[in-house]
Amino acid sequence: MDFTFSDDQIALRDAVRSFLAAEAPREYVRRMAEHDDAGITPELWSRIVDLGWTGLLVPDALGGLGLGIIDAVVVQEEMGRSVFPGPYFSSAIVATLAARALGLDDRLAALGAGTERGTVALDEAGHGDPIERIRVRASGRGSRHKLDGVKPMVMDGASADWVLVPARTRDGLQTFLVETRGLVETRGLVETRDLIERPKGNAQPVPSLDVTRKFSRFEFDETRALLVGPLGDHAQLWRRVADDAAVLLAAELIGVSEAANALALDYAQAREVFGKPLSKFQVTRHKAVDMLREIEIARVAVHYAAWASAVDAPDREIAAAMAKAQAATAANYVTAECIQIHGGVGYTWENDAHLFLRRAKVDDLLLGGQGWQRERVADEYFATL
């Protein structure tokens, strides 16, 4: 099986890499992390929209590029390489995957055109299966419902126009759309305003170990929401969305690992110890080889999982779990070793090594941590014996 990218995909990779190097260098990433609530400037988001990347996964009939998950892997690897701080993953990837699965054509068209940004409130407190952990409940009739519960970590929740919320109902797991454009920010708190009934819930920005990605805590208190998607239970639909999003998050981790590896090797070749470069010492060379091994094993797993999803292969689910687990393992290892190779300077705020470690740690936990993903693989494997 050939895992090399096509000529078009290589051209896409080169275009994304050069664009991010010019428009989102590390100085920009730090500025967005430290001083911007949205994580991206309107000007940069507009340029990404103009390039068509927000419509990467939007069908061409709805104005998008109509590309697939393998093409999205190409882009996500480069986003990880630059530890891109904006809402690209939450809106152009996760919200788009969910809207496509739910058949929300009007929202897909707006996402692709960049006139709206969406996000998904999936993860809840606890560990293990992100679908089984859902405790937010919805009650109502017809399309109008009210939500109660907490979504503690919603990616780019404060800057999205709307959020898709999977919640428990009498009919199982269903999906609800909450408009956030009417929310008003007050003293760091985004509060739903309603002249008849208050409170209706709030969404407050919360800190994260990953300073480059923005999160919000959504507290629903009879918050009005619109039931969307097909009739019946949406659990399997959300499992597919979570798997595909996890594969693309794993692709981001490949880019994170490669960038951390390059940073470590550049430092090892430039830093002299006892009259010779640090890269000449055996312990450093062993670390470099181990880092490369972890990256390449993870890369194969991610690329295979993307192909399995694209063709709907029988082993798609186990491939997605293996990819997320291996990419997270590799990224945690490589980013930690990057700091070790740097020594004391690697622990300082001014050095970029910690940005990669932070992204790796948080990406590991999103959409199912590596421990649960490995448990999935073991369950599938032992079921065949």
Protein backbone atom coordinates (compact mmCIF):
# COMPACT_ATOMS: atom_id res chain seq x y z
CA MET A 1 0.00 0.00 0.00
CA ASP A 2 1.37 3.41 -1.01
CA PHE A 3 1.11 6.01 1.76
CA THR A 4 2.80 8.82 -0.16
CA PHE A 5 0.73 11.90 -0.92
CA SER A 6 -0.39 12.68 -4.45
CA ASP A 7 1.11 15.60 -6.39
CA ASP A 8 -1.94 17.72 -5.56
CA GLN A 9 -1.66 16.88 -1.88
CA ILE A 10 2.05 17.72 -1.87
CA ALA A 11 1.24 21.06 -3.49
CA LEU A 12 -1.43 21.66 -0.82
CA ARG A 13 1.05 20.78 1.93
CA ASP A 14 3.67 23.14 0.56
CA ALA A 15 1.13 25.94 0.22
CA VAL A 16 -0.12 25.55 3.79
CA ARG A 17 3.42 25.28 5.17
CA SER A 18 4.68 28.40 3.42
CA PHE A 19 1.56 30.38 4.30
CA LEU A 20 1.74 29.53 8.00
CA ALA A 21 5.48 30.18 8.12
CA ALA A 22 4.91 33.66 6.71
CA GLU A 23 1.61 34.60 8.39
CA ALA A 24 1.66 32.67 11.66
CA PRO A 25 5.28 32.49 12.86
CA ARG A 26 6.03 31.70 16.47
CA GLU A 27 5.86 35.37 17.44
CA TYR A 28 2.28 35.50 16.16
CA VAL A 29 1.41 32.28 18.01
CA ARG A 30 2.70 33.72 21.27
CA ARG A 31 0.85 37.00 20.75
CA MET A 32 -2.44 35.19 20.16
CA ALA A 33 -1.85 32.92 23.13
CA GLU A 34 -1.10 35.74 25.53
CA HIS A 35 -3.22 38.65 24.36
CA ASP A 36 -6.14 37.54 22.17
CA ASP A 37 -9.40 35.91 23.29
CA ALA A 38 -10.23 34.42 19.87
CA GLY A 39 -6.74 33.11 19.09
CA ILE A 40 -6.73 34.59 15.58
CA THR A 41 -6.95 37.99 13.95
CA PRO A 42 -9.91 38.72 11.64
CA GLU A 43 -7.45 39.49 8.86
CA LEU A 44 -5.74 36.09 9.06
CA TRP A 45 -9.04 34.22 9.28
CA SER A 46 -10.24 36.12 6.20
CA ARG A 47 -7.15 35.05 4.28
CA ILE A 48 -7.69 31.40 5.28
CA VAL A 49 -11.27 31.67 4.06
CA ASP A 50 -10.09 33.18 0.76
CA LEU A 51 -7.72 30.25 0.28
CA GLY A 52 -10.69 27.89 0.63
CA TRP A 53 -9.36 25.95 3.60
CA THR A 54 -12.48 26.50 5.70
CA GLY A 55 -14.39 24.66 2.97
CA LEU A 56 -11.93 21.77 2.69
CA LEU A 57 -14.47 19.18 3.90
CA VAL A 58 -17.58 20.99 2.65
CA PRO A 59 -19.12 19.37 -0.46
CA ASP A 60 -18.53 21.30 -3.66
CA ALA A 61 -22.30 21.45 -4.21
CA LEU A 62 -22.43 23.69 -1.13
CA GLY A 63 -19.55 25.91 -2.21
CA GLY A 64 -16.71 23.98 -0.58
CA LEU A 65 -13.67 22.23 -2.02
CA GLY A 66 -15.29 18.81 -1.62
CA LEU A 67 -12.05 17.14 -0.51
CA GLY A 68 -11.71 14.24 1.91
CA ILE A 69 -10.11 13.20 5.16
CA ILE A 70 -6.72 12.42 3.61
CA ASP A 71 -6.50 15.97 2.27
CA ALA A 72 -7.47 17.23 5.72
CA VAL A 73 -4.61 15.18 7.19
CA VAL A 74 -2.22 17.11 4.95
CA VAL A 75 -3.49 20.43 6.31
CA GLN A 76 -3.68 19.27 9.93
CA GLU A 77 -0.07 18.11 9.97
CA GLU A 78 0.98 21.61 8.99
CA MET A 79 -1.35 23.20 11.55
CA GLY A 80 0.33 21.08 14.21
CA ARG A 81 3.79 21.98 12.95
CA SER A 82 3.04 25.66 13.56
CA VAL A 83 0.95 25.03 16.74
CA PHE A 84 -1.65 27.17 15.00
CA PRO A 85 -3.71 28.96 17.67
CA GLY A 86 -6.93 29.76 15.81
CA PRO A 87 -10.32 27.98 15.59
CA TYR A 88 -9.50 26.08 12.40
CA PHE A 89 -9.74 22.62 13.99
CA SER A 90 -12.90 23.35 15.98
CA SER A 91 -14.79 24.96 13.09
CA ALA A 92 -13.37 23.79 9.74
CA ILE A 93 -12.77 20.23 10.97
CA VAL A 94 -14.92 19.09 13.92
CA ALA A 95 -17.98 21.30 13.43
CA THR A 96 -17.86 20.62 9.68
CA LEU A 97 -17.64 16.85 10.18
CA ALA A 98 -20.59 17.00 12.59
CA ALA A 99 -22.71 19.27 10.37
CA ARG A 100 -22.03 17.00 7.41
CA ALA A 101 -23.03 13.89 9.34
CA LEU A 102 -26.20 15.60 10.60
CA GLY A 103 -27.18 16.87 7.16
CA LEU A 104 -27.07 20.57 8.12
CA ASP A 105 -26.50 21.92 4.61
CA ASP A 106 -27.19 25.55 5.47
CA ARG A 107 -24.61 25.48 8.25
CA LEU A 108 -22.10 23.69 6.03
CA ALA A 109 -22.39 26.36 3.37
CA ALA A 110 -21.82 29.09 5.96
CA LEU A 111 -18.82 27.25 7.45
CA GLY A 112 -17.25 26.82 4.04
CA ALA A 113 -17.83 30.46 3.10
CA GLY A 114 -16.37 31.61 6.41
CA THR A 115 -19.47 33.66 7.26
CA GLU A 116 -20.00 31.56 10.39
CA ARG A 117 -17.77 29.66 12.79
CA GLY A 118 -19.09 26.66 14.66
CA THR A 119 -17.84 24.32 17.33
CA VAL A 120 -18.86 21.10 19.06
CA ALA A 121 -19.49 20.54 22.79
CA LEU A 122 -18.71 16.83 23.05
CA ASP A 123 -16.23 16.15 25.85
CA GLU A 124 -17.50 16.11 29.43
CA ALA A 125 -15.86 15.45 32.79
CA GLY A 126 -14.34 12.05 33.46
CA HIS A 127 -12.31 9.63 31.39
CA GLY A 128 -12.91 6.88 28.88
CA ASP A 129 -15.44 6.83 26.06
CA PRO A 130 -16.41 10.45 25.23
CA ILE A 131 -19.85 9.33 24.02
CA GLU A 132 -20.64 7.31 27.14
CA ARG A 133 -19.53 10.25 29.32
CA ILE A 134 -22.24 12.57 28.01
CA ARG A 135 -24.53 13.63 30.87
CA VAL A 136 -26.08 16.86 29.55
CA ARG A 137 -29.84 16.33 29.19
CA ALA A 138 -32.44 17.85 26.91
CA SER A 139 -36.19 18.09 27.41
CA GLY A 140 -38.94 19.45 25.20
CA ARG A 141 -41.22 18.73 22.28
CA GLY A 142 -40.79 19.02 18.55
CA SER A 143 -37.67 20.91 17.56
CA ARG A 144 -37.64 23.23 20.60
CA HIS A 145 -35.84 21.92 23.66
CA LYS A 146 -34.02 23.10 26.78
CA LEU A 147 -30.60 21.90 27.87
CA ASP A 148 -29.33 21.27 31.40
CA GLY A 149 -25.81 20.29 32.37
CA VAL A 150 -22.17 21.25 31.90
CA LYS A 151 -19.69 20.99 29.06
CA PRO A 152 -16.42 21.91 30.82
CA MET A 153 -14.06 22.27 27.84
CA VAL A 154 -15.51 23.52 24.56
CA MET A 155 -12.94 24.46 21.92
CA ASP A 156 -13.28 28.10 20.84
CA GLY A 157 -16.69 28.30 22.47
CA ALA A 158 -16.49 32.02 23.18
CA SER A 159 -15.78 32.98 19.56
CA ALA A 160 -18.07 30.52 17.72
CA ASP A 161 -21.39 31.62 16.24
CA TRP A 162 -23.04 28.38 17.28
CA VAL A 163 -22.31 25.12 19.05
CA LEU A 164 -23.57 21.60 18.39
CA VAL A 165 -24.38 19.83 21.66
CA PRO A 166 -25.00 16.07 21.89
CA ALA A 167 -27.33 15.48 24.86
CA ARG A 168 -29.42 12.72 26.43
CA THR A 169 -33.14 12.56 25.72
CA ARG A 170 -35.93 10.01 26.10
CA ASP A 171 -35.03 8.80 22.59
CA GLY A 172 -31.34 8.31 23.33
CA LEU A 173 -28.51 10.61 22.33
CA GLN A 174 -29.61 13.48 20.11
CA THR A 175 -28.06 16.70 18.84
CA PHE A 176 -28.97 20.30 19.61
CA LEU A 177 -27.84 23.59 18.13
CA VAL A 178 -27.30 26.55 20.44
CA GLU A 179 -26.82 29.97 18.87
CA THR A 180 -24.14 31.98 20.67
CA ARG A 181 -24.30 35.20 18.69
CA GLY A 182 -26.75 36.68 21.20
CA LEU A 183 -24.41 36.05 24.10
CA VAL A 184 -22.99 39.11 25.86
CA GLU A 185 -19.56 39.11 27.46
CA THR A 186 -19.48 40.72 30.88
CA ARG A 187 -16.36 40.73 33.08
CA GLY A 188 -14.97 37.68 31.40
CA LEU A 189 -18.33 35.88 31.58
CA VAL A 190 -20.45 35.21 28.51
CA GLU A 191 -24.03 35.31 29.78
CA THR A 192 -27.25 34.48 27.96
CA ARG A 193 -29.61 37.46 28.12
CA ASP A 194 -33.37 37.01 28.01
CA LEU A 195 -35.91 39.56 29.16
CA ILE A 196 -38.42 36.91 30.25
CA GLU A 197 -36.38 34.13 31.80
CA ARG A 198 -32.94 34.30 33.38
CA PRO A 199 -30.51 32.68 33.88
CA LYS A 200 -30.38 30.67 30.68
CA GLY A 201 -26.83 29.43 31.12
CA ASN A 202 -23.40 30.88 30.58
CA ALA A 203 -20.16 30.21 28.75
CA GLN A 204 -17.03 31.32 30.52
CA PRO A 205 -13.50 31.20 29.06
CA VAL A 206 -11.36 28.78 31.06
CA PRO A 207 -7.58 28.33 31.18
CA SER A 208 -5.93 25.26 29.70
CA LEU A 209 -2.48 23.74 29.82
CA ASP A 210 -2.36 24.45 26.07
CA VAL A 211 -2.13 28.24 26.02
CA THR A 212 -2.44 28.30 22.23
CA ARG A 213 -5.98 26.86 22.15
CA LYS A 214 -9.00 28.67 23.58
CA PHE A 215 -11.59 26.80 25.66
CA SER A 216 -14.87 27.75 27.34
CA ARG A 217 -16.99 26.15 30.02
CA PHE A 218 -20.66 25.94 29.02
CA GLU A 219 -23.20 25.72 31.83
CA PHE A 220 -26.69 25.01 30.51
CA ASP A 221 -29.61 25.99 32.73
CA GLU A 222 -32.80 25.45 30.74
CA THR A 223 -30.93 26.90 27.79
CA ARG A 224 -33.02 27.03 24.64
CA ALA A 225 -31.74 24.75 21.87
CA LEU A 226 -32.88 23.52 18.49
CA LEU A 227 -33.08 19.78 17.82
CA VAL A 228 -31.20 19.01 14.59
CA GLY A 229 -30.23 16.00 12.54
CA PRO A 230 -32.02 12.79 11.58
CA LEU A 231 -34.71 11.10 13.64
CA GLY A 232 -33.73 8.62 16.33
CA ASP A 233 -30.58 8.00 18.32
CA HIS A 234 -27.39 9.81 17.20
CA ALA A 235 -24.87 7.77 19.21
CA GLN A 236 -23.36 5.96 16.21
CA LEU A 237 -23.30 9.18 14.22
CA TRP A 238 -21.29 10.89 16.94
CA ARG A 239 -18.95 7.91 17.26
CA ARG A 240 -18.06 8.29 13.59
CA VAL A 241 -17.60 12.04 13.95
CA ALA A 242 -15.40 11.53 17.03
CA ASP A 243 -13.30 8.87 15.26
CA ASP A 244 -12.69 10.96 12.16
CA ALA A 245 -11.95 14.06 14.25
CA ALA A 246 -9.55 11.99 16.39
CA VAL A 247 -7.67 10.86 13.28
CA LEU A 248 -7.29 14.48 12.21
CA LEU A 249 -6.23 15.49 15.72
CA ALA A 250 -3.65 12.70 15.50
CA ALA A 251 -2.44 14.22 12.23
CA GLU A 252 -1.97 17.51 14.07
CA LEU A 253 0.12 15.63 16.64
CA ILE A 254 2.39 14.35 13.86
CA GLY A 255 3.11 17.96 12.93
CA VAL A 256 3.66 18.88 16.58
CA SER A 257 6.12 16.00 16.94
CA GLU A 258 8.02 16.88 13.78
CA ALA A 259 8.38 20.52 14.79
CA ALA A 260 9.56 19.61 18.30
CA ASN A 261 12.02 17.13 16.84
CA ALA A 262 13.42 19.73 14.45
CA LEU A 263 13.73 22.28 17.27
CA ALA A 264 15.65 19.78 19.41
CA LEU A 265 18.01 18.75 16.61
CA ASP A 266 18.74 22.33 15.61
CA TYR A 267 19.64 23.11 19.21
CA ALA A 268 21.76 19.96 19.58
CA GLN A 269 23.80 20.86 16.48
CA ALA A 270 24.31 24.48 17.52
CA ARG A 271 24.99 23.97 21.26
CA GLU A 272 28.58 23.10 22.14
CA VAL A 273 29.52 21.15 25.26
CA PHE A 274 33.14 20.38 26.16
CA GLY A 275 34.27 21.73 22.82
CA LYS A 276 31.96 19.76 20.52
CA PRO A 277 28.32 19.93 19.42
CA LEU A 278 25.76 18.31 21.69
CA SER A 279 24.65 16.23 18.70
CA LYS A 280 27.98 14.35 18.77
CA PHE A 281 27.27 12.79 22.17
CA GLN A 282 25.93 9.24 22.10
CA VAL A 283 23.05 9.91 24.49
CA THR A 284 21.76 12.73 22.29
CA ARG A 285 22.03 10.59 19.17
CA HIS A 286 20.09 7.79 20.86
CA LYS A 287 17.35 10.24 21.81
CA ALA A 288 17.19 11.57 18.24
CA VAL A 289 16.80 8.07 16.80
CA ASP A 290 14.09 7.16 19.31
CA MET A 291 12.20 10.37 18.55
CA LEU A 292 12.34 9.69 14.81
CA ARG A 293 11.14 6.11 15.34
CA GLU A 294 8.10 7.24 17.34
CA ILE A 295 7.15 9.85 14.73
CA GLU A 296 7.37 7.47 11.78
CA ILE A 297 5.36 4.72 13.49
CA ALA A 298 2.67 7.25 14.36
CA ARG A 299 2.67 8.69 10.85
CA VAL A 300 1.95 5.29 9.29
CA ALA A 301 -0.87 4.68 11.77
CA VAL A 302 -2.47 8.07 11.05
CA HIS A 303 -2.22 7.79 7.28
CA TYR A 304 -3.66 4.28 7.33
CA ALA A 305 -6.53 5.39 9.59
CA ALA A 306 -7.34 8.24 7.22
CA TRP A 307 -7.39 5.86 4.26
CA ALA A 308 -9.56 3.39 6.23
CA SER A 309 -12.06 6.15 6.94
CA ALA A 310 -12.05 7.36 3.33
CA VAL A 311 -12.93 3.89 1.97
CA ASP A 312 -14.99 2.86 5.02
CA ALA A 313 -12.77 -0.17 5.60
CA PRO A 314 -13.94 -2.90 8.02
CA ASP A 315 -11.14 -2.04 10.46
CA ARG A 316 -11.85 1.72 10.37
CA GLU A 317 -12.68 1.98 14.10
CA ILE A 318 -9.65 0.07 15.35
CA ALA A 319 -7.43 2.00 12.93
CA ALA A 320 -8.74 5.32 14.31
CA ALA A 321 -8.10 4.18 17.89
CA MET A 322 -4.57 3.00 17.05
CA ALA A 323 -3.78 6.25 15.26
CA LYS A 324 -4.93 8.48 18.11
CA ALA A 325 -3.15 6.34 20.71
CA GLN A 326 0.14 6.11 18.81
CA ALA A 327 0.21 9.76 17.76
CA ALA A 328 -0.47 10.89 21.32
CA THR A 329 2.21 8.56 22.69
CA ALA A 330 4.73 9.80 20.14
CA ALA A 331 3.93 13.47 20.70
CA ASN A 332 4.17 13.22 24.47
CA TYR A 333 7.50 11.42 24.17
CA VAL A 334 9.05 13.63 21.48
CA THR A 335 8.01 16.95 23.04
CA ALA A 336 9.32 15.85 26.45
CA GLU A 337 12.62 14.74 24.93
CA CYS A 338 12.84 18.07 23.11
CA ILE A 339 12.86 19.78 26.49
CA GLN A 340 15.42 17.28 27.83
CA ILE A 341 17.80 17.93 24.93
CA HIS A 342 17.52 21.66 25.55
CA GLY A 343 18.34 21.20 29.22
CA GLY A 344 17.49 24.03 31.62
CA VAL A 345 16.68 26.53 28.87
CA GLY A 346 13.96 24.17 27.63
CA TYR A 347 11.93 24.90 30.78
CA THR A 348 11.81 28.64 30.23
CA TRP A 349 8.81 30.55 28.88
CA GLU A 350 10.96 32.22 26.23
CA ASN A 351 11.89 28.88 24.65
CA ASP A 352 9.31 27.40 22.27
CA ALA A 353 9.72 23.81 23.49
CA HIS A 354 6.92 24.10 26.06
CA LEU A 355 4.38 25.16 23.41
CA PHE A 356 4.71 21.78 21.71
CA LEU A 357 4.52 19.86 24.99
CA ARG A 358 1.38 21.76 26.01
CA ARG A 359 -0.35 21.04 22.69
CA ALA A 360 0.61 17.35 22.88
CA LYS A 361 -0.73 16.91 26.41
CA VAL A 362 -4.10 18.52 25.71
CA ASP A 363 -4.60 16.91 22.28
CA ASP A 364 -3.99 13.55 23.96
CA LEU A 365 -7.02 14.09 26.22
CA LEU A 366 -9.41 15.46 23.60
CA LEU A 367 -11.82 13.02 21.90
CA GLY A 368 -10.68 10.12 24.05
CA GLY A 369 -7.28 9.80 25.70
CA GLN A 370 -4.65 7.29 24.61
CA GLY A 371 -5.44 4.96 27.53
CA TRP A 372 -9.05 4.53 26.44
CA GLN A 373 -8.03 4.26 22.79
CA ARG A 374 -5.68 1.40 23.65
CA GLU A 375 -8.49 -0.26 25.60
CA ARG A 376 -10.64 -0.08 22.46
CA VAL A 377 -7.91 -1.77 20.43
CA ALA A 378 -7.55 -4.51 23.06
CA ASP A 379 -11.31 -5.12 23.14
CA GLU A 380 -11.46 -5.43 19.35
CA TYR A 381 -8.43 -7.68 19.28
CA PHE A 382 -9.53 -10.08 22.00
CA ALA A 383 -13.02 -10.25 20.50
CA THR A 384 -11.47 -11.96 17.46
CA LEU A 385 -9.67 -14.68 19.47
